[in-house]
Protein backbone atom coordinates (compact mmCIF):
# COMPACT_ATOMS: atom_id res chain seq x y z
CA UNK A 1 238.51 -8.42 74.74
CA UNK A 2 235.47 -10.59 74.23
CA UNK A 3 235.54 -14.14 72.98
CA UNK A 4 233.70 -14.29 69.65
CA UNK A 5 232.46 -17.81 70.37
CA UNK A 6 230.60 -16.61 73.46
CA UNK A 7 229.19 -13.58 71.65
CA UNK A 8 227.93 -15.87 68.88
CA UNK A 9 226.28 -18.20 71.41
CA UNK A 10 224.49 -15.27 73.06
CA UNK A 11 223.29 -13.94 69.70
CA UNK A 12 221.83 -17.33 68.78
CA UNK A 13 219.85 -17.81 71.99
CA UNK A 14 216.67 -16.16 70.65
CA UNK A 15 213.79 -17.61 72.73
CA UNK A 16 216.03 -19.15 75.36
CA UNK A 17 217.70 -15.85 76.24
CA UNK A 18 215.32 -15.02 79.12
CA UNK A 19 215.75 -18.51 80.54
CA UNK A 20 219.54 -18.32 80.37
CA UNK A 21 219.55 -14.80 81.89
CA UNK A 22 217.46 -16.01 84.84
CA UNK A 23 219.69 -19.03 85.27
CA UNK A 24 222.84 -16.89 85.16
CA UNK A 25 221.50 -14.46 87.76
CA UNK A 26 220.34 -17.34 89.96
CA UNK A 27 223.85 -18.80 89.88
CA UNK A 28 225.35 -15.43 90.80
CA UNK A 29 226.79 -14.23 87.48
CA UNK A 30 226.64 -10.54 86.65
CA UNK A 31 226.11 -11.10 82.93
CA UNK A 32 225.30 -13.73 80.35
CA UNK A 33 228.83 -13.39 79.01
CA UNK A 34 230.36 -14.40 82.36
CA UNK A 35 227.90 -17.29 82.64
CA UNK A 36 228.81 -18.74 79.24
CA UNK A 37 232.50 -18.06 79.80
CA UNK A 38 232.35 -20.17 82.96
CA UNK A 39 230.26 -22.83 81.24
CA UNK A 40 232.79 -23.17 78.40
CA UNK A 41 235.77 -23.26 80.76
CA UNK A 42 234.12 -26.04 82.80
CA UNK A 43 233.46 -27.99 79.62
CA UNK A 44 237.10 -27.65 78.54
CA UNK A 45 238.32 -28.71 81.98
CA UNK A 46 236.07 -31.78 81.86
CA UNK A 47 237.51 -32.72 78.46
CA UNK A 48 241.07 -32.32 79.76
CA UNK A 49 240.28 -34.47 82.80
CA UNK A 50 238.78 -37.14 80.54
CA UNK A 51 241.93 -37.10 78.39
CA UNK A 52 244.10 -37.53 81.50
CA UNK A 53 241.97 -40.47 82.63
CA UNK A 54 242.27 -42.13 79.24
CA UNK A 55 246.02 -41.65 79.19
CA UNK A 56 246.34 -43.03 82.72
CA UNK A 57 244.29 -46.13 81.95
CA UNK A 58 246.22 -46.65 78.73
CA UNK A 59 249.54 -46.42 80.58
CA UNK A 60 248.26 -48.75 83.29
CA UNK A 61 247.11 -51.26 80.70
CA UNK A 62 250.51 -51.20 79.02
CA UNK A 63 252.32 -51.83 82.31
CA UNK A 64 250.06 -54.77 83.18
CA UNK A 65 250.63 -56.26 79.72
CA UNK A 66 254.39 -55.98 80.23
CA UNK A 67 254.20 -57.73 83.59
CA UNK A 68 252.24 -60.67 82.16
CA UNK A 69 254.80 -61.36 79.46
CA UNK A 70 256.99 -63.56 81.63
CA UNK A 71 257.26 -67.27 80.84
CA UNK A 72 256.01 -68.50 84.21
CA UNK A 73 252.50 -67.07 83.95
């Protein structure tokens, strides 16, 4: 089953279609669909990694704030 988001992206390429096809074949993809599927999955993974980083820094910040709350500092 094809992802409708990817199909819509391919339909809207118009003048950039040849460029994207060449790029996909240069990177070793058999079709434009596979190329955009990979591109979208990488983008989603990057967003997830960014979320994890933000959560980690937020948790770290909270722990450092808790440590500084003693009366001697």
